[in-house]
Amino acid sequence: MRHRHSDYMYWAKTQSRGRFNLATSGVGSFPLAELPRQPALEINGDSTYGYAPLQQAIARKCGVDPDCVVAAAGTSMANHLAMAALVEPGDEVLIEHPAYELLVSAALFLGARVRRFARTVENGFALDPAAIRGALTPKTKLVVVTNLHNPSSALTPDAALREVGDLARSVGAHVLVDEVYLDAVYEDTPRTAFQLGPEFIVTNSLTKVYGLSGLRCGWILAQPDLARAMWRLNDLFGSIPAHAAELLSVAALEQLDFIRERARKVVEADRALLGEFLSRHAAVSAARTAWGTTAFLRLHGADVEQLLARLRADYETTAVPGRFFEMPDHFRIGMGVNTEMFGEGLRRLDLALGGTGLPACPA
């Protein structure tokens, strides 16, 4: 029987919110009023197999031909559509561990045989091509990774990705790279892995790094023949997207630097607070990363579920249990929404851990 739901998404929609929310995964919502140049909105438009101005805007951002772009309703739908176009029931899909739960659940829903390769805490969750080599088989049809890694925010360099591409090509497989967090590398932002070779398929959106989740502006980058197949497959899921969202997405793509810099200040302030917090505590540790909006904390000598239950009940603060990433001794926290809230959430986490090491934030 196929996997037909996501435990993580149910938790995120029903239990993740708290007065002090450390369970976020992206930056704070970008308000329409702050978009400098707003388009004239229309309800209906020429949206069949892609709205041409949006296709061109995404292509310019990514440095690709518009024929390689498939628009999708956010990164999750992009991942589902990409997998659905590549995977038949019984096909072998190789996915990183720990992994974002929806990637695993989507593959299982499609009837794939899921195998795993490790990204180890001892190695800072770095992507190790040798681990993929050891798990790859002649039956592997797809290798799935995230860059930046979700949940740890570890960055994978092009050299490692090229090696993964070589491995996949050796067995006739593709590599799916979810890059929804990649633009949170604010200096020398890497180019998309799609540029590394035809075996690469990339998904992304304007959600996590830009605070534009409500636009549902996601996309897949694929070779033109595969992109056309994805468009046709998407006819089964949604006829046409909301045109008003397409118009706003084009306007946002024209002003991405401004939108990204607005959130960057909050992310960097939060990351500094997290670094101070981790330096004070032996009870928790995390791979120190320079970029990203999430961190994956390991709890030593105590039960994560009990800690998070106490944190929620007694301190009105939430974080994401590591069980959703198959790492029950970890939990994920998010940065980039509101520094005052984040700092107070860390202070309350400190109290839940039994310490008093952080000063109260001003009300």
Protein backbone atom coordinates (compact mmCIF):
# COMPACT_ATOMS: atom_id res chain seq x y z
CA MET A 1 0.00 0.00 0.00
CA ARG A 2 1.34 3.41 -0.95
CA HIS A 3 2.26 6.12 1.52
CA ARG A 4 -0.63 8.60 1.34
CA HIS A 5 0.14 11.37 3.79
CA SER A 6 2.90 13.44 5.38
CA ASP A 7 3.23 13.22 9.14
CA TYR A 8 5.49 16.26 9.15
CA MET A 9 3.08 18.50 7.21
CA TYR A 10 0.20 17.52 9.48
CA TRP A 11 2.32 18.44 12.51
CA ALA A 12 3.46 21.68 10.87
CA LYS A 13 -0.10 22.74 10.10
CA THR A 14 -1.64 21.76 13.43
CA GLN A 15 1.03 21.86 16.15
CA SER A 16 4.05 23.92 15.09
CA ARG A 17 2.94 27.39 16.02
CA GLY A 18 3.73 28.95 19.36
CA ARG A 19 4.00 32.43 20.77
CA PHE A 20 7.75 32.06 20.28
CA ASN A 21 8.07 30.04 17.13
CA LEU A 22 11.42 28.35 16.52
CA ALA A 23 9.73 25.83 14.22
CA THR A 24 9.87 28.07 11.16
CA SER A 25 11.70 26.95 8.04
CA GLY A 26 12.00 30.14 6.01
CA VAL A 27 12.25 33.89 6.42
CA GLY A 28 9.39 36.11 7.49
CA SER A 29 6.59 36.87 5.06
CA PHE A 30 7.33 39.68 2.63
CA PRO A 31 4.42 42.18 2.61
CA LEU A 32 2.91 43.29 -0.67
CA ALA A 33 3.04 46.91 0.48
CA GLU A 34 6.86 46.78 0.42
CA LEU A 35 7.12 45.62 -3.18
CA PRO A 36 8.46 48.78 -4.85
CA ARG A 37 6.90 48.25 -8.27
CA GLN A 38 3.57 46.48 -8.20
CA PRO A 39 1.94 45.17 -11.36
CA ALA A 40 -1.60 45.82 -12.51
CA LEU A 41 -3.43 42.65 -11.53
CA GLU A 42 -5.80 40.66 -13.71
CA ILE A 43 -7.73 37.52 -12.85
CA ASN A 44 -7.24 35.73 -16.16
CA GLY A 45 -4.30 35.58 -18.55
CA ASP A 46 -2.50 33.50 -21.14
CA SER A 47 -1.34 30.64 -18.92
CA THR A 48 -1.24 27.27 -20.67
CA TYR A 49 2.12 25.51 -20.61
CA GLY A 50 3.77 28.38 -18.82
CA TYR A 51 3.08 32.10 -18.63
CA ALA A 52 5.75 33.47 -20.98
CA PRO A 53 6.89 36.46 -18.87
CA LEU A 54 7.22 34.21 -15.82
CA GLN A 55 9.06 31.53 -17.79
CA GLN A 56 11.49 34.14 -19.03
CA ALA A 57 11.98 35.70 -15.59
CA ILE A 58 12.77 32.35 -13.97
CA ALA A 59 15.08 31.46 -16.86
CA ARG A 60 16.98 34.74 -16.45
CA LYS A 61 17.37 34.17 -12.72
CA CYS A 62 18.74 30.66 -13.27
CA GLY A 63 20.75 31.34 -16.42
CA VAL A 64 18.91 28.72 -18.49
CA ASP A 65 16.74 28.53 -21.59
CA PRO A 66 13.01 29.08 -20.90
CA ASP A 67 12.33 25.70 -22.52
CA CYS A 68 14.07 24.11 -19.51
CA VAL A 69 11.69 25.73 -16.99
CA VAL A 70 8.55 24.04 -15.66
CA ALA A 71 6.48 26.21 -13.34
CA ALA A 72 4.99 24.48 -10.29
CA ALA A 73 3.03 25.36 -7.17
CA GLY A 74 5.96 25.71 -4.76
CA THR A 75 8.95 23.45 -4.26
CA SER A 76 6.96 20.58 -2.79
CA MET A 77 4.81 20.32 -5.90
CA ALA A 78 7.92 20.74 -8.05
CA ASN A 79 9.54 17.80 -6.26
CA HIS A 80 6.43 15.67 -6.61
CA LEU A 81 6.09 16.47 -10.30
CA ALA A 82 9.78 15.84 -10.99
CA MET A 83 9.69 12.48 -9.22
CA ALA A 84 6.42 11.51 -10.89
CA ALA A 85 7.93 12.13 -14.31
CA LEU A 86 10.98 9.98 -13.55
CA VAL A 87 9.88 7.19 -11.23
CA GLU A 88 7.71 4.17 -11.94
CA PRO A 89 6.34 1.90 -9.19
CA GLY A 90 9.13 -0.40 -8.04
CA ASP A 91 11.94 1.87 -9.24
CA GLU A 92 14.80 2.44 -6.81
CA VAL A 93 15.23 5.97 -5.45
CA LEU A 94 18.26 6.86 -3.34
CA ILE A 95 17.59 9.65 -0.80
CA GLU A 96 19.88 11.31 1.73
CA HIS A 97 19.50 10.70 5.47
CA PRO A 98 18.54 12.81 7.35
CA ALA A 99 16.08 14.12 4.80
CA TYR A 100 13.14 16.46 4.55
CA GLU A 101 10.22 14.14 5.19
CA LEU A 102 8.16 15.16 2.16
CA LEU A 103 10.90 13.96 -0.20
CA VAL A 104 10.72 10.47 1.25
CA SER A 105 6.92 10.48 1.50
CA ALA A 106 6.52 11.61 -2.12
CA ALA A 107 8.79 8.82 -3.37
CA LEU A 108 6.88 6.26 -1.32
CA PHE A 109 3.56 7.59 -2.62
CA LEU A 110 4.80 7.02 -6.16
CA GLY A 111 5.56 3.40 -5.30
CA ALA A 112 9.35 3.74 -5.33
CA ARG A 113 11.69 1.43 -3.46
CA VAL A 114 13.51 3.95 -1.26
CA ARG A 115 17.13 3.37 -0.28
CA ARG A 116 19.16 5.76 1.86
CA PHE A 117 22.68 7.09 2.13
CA ALA A 118 24.02 8.84 5.21
CA ARG A 119 24.98 12.44 5.79
CA THR A 120 26.63 12.06 9.18
CA VAL A 121 26.61 14.42 12.13
CA GLU A 122 30.30 13.68 12.63
CA ASN A 123 30.98 15.14 9.18
CA GLY A 124 28.77 18.17 9.73
CA PHE A 125 26.10 16.58 7.48
CA ALA A 126 28.32 17.21 4.45
CA LEU A 127 27.36 15.38 1.26
CA ASP A 128 29.88 12.58 0.79
CA PRO A 129 29.89 11.07 -2.73
CA ALA A 130 31.49 7.94 -1.29
CA ALA A 131 28.32 7.30 0.73
CA ILE A 132 26.28 7.51 -2.48
CA ARG A 133 28.73 5.21 -4.27
CA GLY A 134 28.25 2.63 -1.54
CA ALA A 135 24.46 2.74 -1.77
CA LEU A 136 24.07 3.05 -5.54
CA THR A 137 22.96 -0.01 -7.49
CA PRO A 138 22.29 -0.72 -11.17
CA LYS A 139 18.58 -0.40 -10.31
CA THR A 140 18.88 3.18 -9.03
CA LYS A 141 16.79 5.56 -11.15
CA LEU A 142 17.05 8.73 -9.07
CA VAL A 143 19.36 10.23 -6.43
CA VAL A 144 17.73 12.93 -4.27
CA VAL A 145 19.64 15.58 -2.31
CA THR A 146 19.01 19.04 -0.86
CA ASN A 147 21.39 21.98 -1.16
CA LEU A 148 21.48 23.69 1.25
CA HIS A 149 20.80 20.55 3.25
CA ASN A 150 17.46 20.46 5.01
CA PRO A 151 17.61 20.32 8.05
CA SER A 152 21.26 21.26 8.74
CA SER A 153 21.93 24.00 6.12
CA ALA A 154 25.21 22.33 5.07
CA LEU A 155 26.38 23.60 1.68
CA THR A 156 27.52 21.13 -1.00
CA PRO A 157 30.21 22.44 -3.39
CA ASP A 158 30.07 21.90 -7.14
CA ALA A 159 32.94 19.41 -7.03
CA ALA A 160 30.97 17.02 -4.83
CA LEU A 161 27.84 17.45 -6.94
CA ARG A 162 29.79 16.71 -10.12
CA GLU A 163 31.01 13.49 -8.58
CA VAL A 164 27.44 12.56 -7.66
CA GLY A 165 26.42 13.32 -11.24
CA ASP A 166 29.16 11.03 -12.57
CA LEU A 167 27.98 8.24 -10.26
CA ALA A 168 24.37 8.64 -11.33
CA ARG A 169 25.29 8.70 -15.01
CA SER A 170 27.22 5.45 -14.58
CA VAL A 171 23.96 3.61 -13.83
CA GLY A 172 21.68 5.71 -16.06
CA ALA A 173 20.10 7.63 -13.17
CA HIS A 174 19.18 11.29 -12.67
CA VAL A 175 20.05 13.54 -9.73
CA LEU A 176 17.27 15.66 -8.23
CA VAL A 177 18.62 18.64 -6.26
CA ASP A 178 16.18 20.62 -4.14
CA GLU A 179 17.73 24.10 -4.05
CA VAL A 180 15.00 25.97 -2.20
CA TYR A 181 17.51 27.19 0.44
CA LEU A 182 20.48 27.82 -1.88
CA ASP A 183 19.89 31.56 -2.22
CA ALA A 184 20.45 31.87 1.53
CA VAL A 185 24.14 31.73 0.63
CA TYR A 186 24.34 35.51 0.51
CA GLU A 187 27.94 35.87 -0.66
CA ASP A 188 29.19 34.20 -3.87
CA THR A 189 25.85 32.45 -4.26
CA PRO A 190 26.49 29.18 -6.12
CA ARG A 191 25.00 28.67 -9.55
CA THR A 192 22.29 26.09 -9.88
CA ALA A 193 23.40 22.46 -10.13
CA PHE A 194 21.40 22.23 -13.34
CA GLN A 195 24.43 23.76 -15.04
CA LEU A 196 26.57 20.76 -14.09
CA GLY A 197 25.18 18.26 -16.60
CA PRO A 198 22.08 16.77 -18.25
CA GLU A 199 21.59 14.20 -15.49
CA PHE A 200 20.70 17.02 -13.05
CA ILE A 201 17.15 18.13 -12.37
CA VAL A 202 16.66 21.05 -9.99
CA THR A 203 13.69 22.33 -7.98
CA ASN A 204 13.33 25.70 -6.31
CA SER A 205 10.85 28.45 -5.41
CA LEU A 206 10.43 31.94 -3.99
CA THR A 207 9.35 30.58 -0.62
CA LYS A 208 12.03 29.92 2.00
CA VAL A 209 14.61 32.63 1.25
CA TYR A 210 12.28 35.36 -0.02
CA GLY A 211 9.20 35.13 2.19
CA LEU A 212 6.88 34.81 -0.83
CA SER A 213 5.28 31.49 -0.02
CA GLY A 214 1.79 32.75 -0.80
CA LEU A 215 2.65 33.22 -4.46
CA ARG A 216 3.33 29.48 -4.84
CA CYS A 217 6.01 30.35 -7.39
CA GLY A 218 8.05 27.19 -7.77
CA TRP A 219 9.85 25.64 -10.70
CA ILE A 220 11.73 22.65 -12.07
CA LEU A 221 14.79 22.90 -14.31
CA ALA A 222 15.05 19.95 -16.69
CA GLN A 223 16.23 19.18 -20.20
CA PRO A 224 13.63 20.41 -22.74
CA ASP A 225 12.23 16.98 -23.67
CA LEU A 226 11.82 16.05 -20.01
CA ALA A 227 10.41 19.50 -19.24
CA ARG A 228 7.73 19.00 -21.89
CA ALA A 229 6.83 15.64 -20.37
CA MET A 230 6.49 17.30 -16.96
CA TRP A 231 4.17 19.95 -18.35
CA ARG A 232 1.93 17.25 -19.81
CA LEU A 233 2.02 15.26 -16.58
CA ASN A 234 1.05 18.38 -14.65
CA ASP A 235 -2.23 18.45 -16.60
CA LEU A 236 -3.33 15.69 -14.22
CA PHE A 237 -2.67 17.85 -11.16
CA GLY A 238 -3.66 21.40 -12.13
CA SER A 239 -4.92 22.86 -15.40
CA ILE A 240 -3.62 26.42 -15.02
CA PRO A 241 -2.15 28.41 -12.10
CA ALA A 242 -3.63 31.54 -10.53
CA HIS A 243 -2.80 34.34 -12.95
CA ALA A 244 -2.68 37.08 -10.32
CA ALA A 245 0.04 35.10 -8.55
CA GLU A 246 1.93 34.79 -11.84
CA LEU A 247 1.87 38.56 -12.33
CA LEU A 248 3.10 39.18 -8.79
CA SER A 249 5.78 36.52 -9.21
CA VAL A 250 7.14 38.26 -12.31
CA ALA A 251 7.28 41.54 -10.38
CA ALA A 252 9.03 39.84 -7.45
CA LEU A 253 11.59 38.15 -9.70
CA GLU A 254 12.49 41.56 -11.11
CA GLN A 255 13.25 42.80 -7.57
CA LEU A 256 14.76 39.72 -5.90
CA ASP A 257 17.93 41.42 -4.69
CA PHE A 258 15.90 43.94 -2.72
CA ILE A 259 13.62 41.25 -1.28
CA ARG A 260 16.51 38.97 -0.34
CA GLU A 261 18.52 41.71 1.37
CA ARG A 262 15.52 42.66 3.51
CA ALA A 263 15.45 39.14 4.99
CA ARG A 264 19.23 38.74 5.13
CA LYS A 265 19.59 41.20 8.00
CA VAL A 266 17.22 39.17 10.16
CA VAL A 267 18.82 35.83 9.26
CA GLU A 268 22.30 37.08 10.11
CA ALA A 269 21.19 38.61 13.41
CA ASP A 270 19.45 35.37 14.36
CA ARG A 271 22.50 33.30 13.38
CA ALA A 272 24.68 35.41 15.66
CA LEU A 273 22.28 34.81 18.56
CA LEU A 274 22.29 31.08 17.84
CA GLY A 275 26.09 31.01 17.85
CA GLU A 276 26.13 32.66 21.27
CA PHE A 277 23.50 30.23 22.54
CA LEU A 278 25.42 27.16 21.36
CA SER A 279 28.65 28.41 22.88
CA ARG A 280 26.94 28.50 26.31
CA HIS A 281 25.47 25.01 26.30
CA ALA A 282 27.07 21.59 26.55
CA ALA A 283 23.62 19.98 26.47
CA VAL A 284 23.07 20.87 22.81
CA SER A 285 25.34 21.04 19.78
CA ALA A 286 24.94 21.71 16.07
CA ALA A 287 26.95 21.67 12.88
CA ARG A 288 28.08 25.28 12.52
CA THR A 289 27.13 26.54 9.07
CA ALA A 290 27.67 29.97 7.54
CA TRP A 291 24.38 30.11 5.70
CA GLY A 292 20.78 28.97 5.71
CA THR A 293 17.60 29.59 7.68
CA THR A 294 17.57 26.32 9.64
CA ALA A 295 19.85 24.65 12.16
CA PHE A 296 19.73 21.07 13.39
CA LEU A 297 20.49 20.81 17.10
CA ARG A 298 21.49 17.62 18.87
CA LEU A 299 20.35 17.13 22.46
CA HIS A 300 22.78 15.24 24.69
CA GLY A 301 21.71 13.13 27.65
CA ALA A 302 17.98 13.85 27.53
CA ASP A 303 14.83 13.05 25.56
CA VAL A 304 14.00 15.47 22.73
CA GLU A 305 10.26 14.80 22.79
CA GLN A 306 10.09 15.51 26.52
CA LEU A 307 12.12 18.69 26.11
CA LEU A 308 9.94 19.98 23.26
CA ALA A 309 6.73 19.11 25.12
CA ARG A 310 7.96 21.07 28.14
CA LEU A 311 9.12 23.91 25.91
CA ARG A 312 5.67 24.18 24.36
CA ALA A 313 3.58 23.70 27.51
CA ASP A 314 5.61 25.78 29.95
CA TYR A 315 7.38 28.31 27.74
CA GLU A 316 5.01 28.85 24.75
CA THR A 317 7.85 27.98 22.37
CA THR A 318 7.97 25.44 19.54
CA ALA A 319 10.71 23.64 17.59
CA VAL A 320 10.57 20.78 15.07
CA PRO A 321 11.14 17.29 16.50
CA GLY A 322 14.01 15.42 14.89
CA ARG A 323 11.85 12.34 14.42
CA PHE A 324 10.50 13.99 11.26
CA PHE A 325 14.04 13.72 9.89
CA GLU A 326 14.55 10.23 11.37
CA MET A 327 16.97 11.70 13.93
CA PRO A 328 15.07 11.53 17.24
CA ASP A 329 17.95 12.94 19.29
CA HIS A 330 17.85 16.18 17.26
CA PHE A 331 15.46 19.08 16.72
CA ARG A 332 15.33 21.79 14.07
CA ILE A 333 14.99 25.49 14.66
CA GLY A 334 14.41 28.24 12.11
CA MET A 335 15.87 31.71 11.67
CA GLY A 336 14.93 34.80 9.69
CA VAL A 337 11.45 35.79 10.88
CA ASN A 338 11.86 38.19 13.81
CA THR A 339 15.06 38.60 15.81
CA GLU A 340 13.36 39.72 19.01
CA MET A 341 11.07 36.69 18.89
CA PHE A 342 13.97 34.38 18.03
CA GLY A 343 16.09 35.67 20.89
CA GLU A 344 13.28 35.23 23.38
CA GLY A 345 12.62 31.75 22.02
CA LEU A 346 16.25 30.84 22.65
CA ARG A 347 16.04 32.26 26.15
CA ARG A 348 13.02 30.07 26.84
CA LEU A 349 14.79 27.07 25.35
CA ASP A 350 17.62 27.82 27.76
CA LEU A 351 15.14 27.75 30.65
CA ALA A 352 13.61 24.49 29.43
CA LEU A 353 17.09 23.01 29.35
CA GLY A 354 17.44 24.00 32.99
CA GLY A 355 19.82 26.91 32.52
CA THR A 356 19.70 30.64 33.08
CA GLY A 357 22.49 31.66 30.76
CA LEU A 358 20.74 34.18 28.54
CA PRO A 359 19.38 37.62 29.37
CA ALA A 360 15.71 38.35 28.83
CA CYS A 361 14.90 40.17 25.62
CA PRO A 362 13.06 43.49 25.99
CA ALA A 363 9.28 43.27 25.73
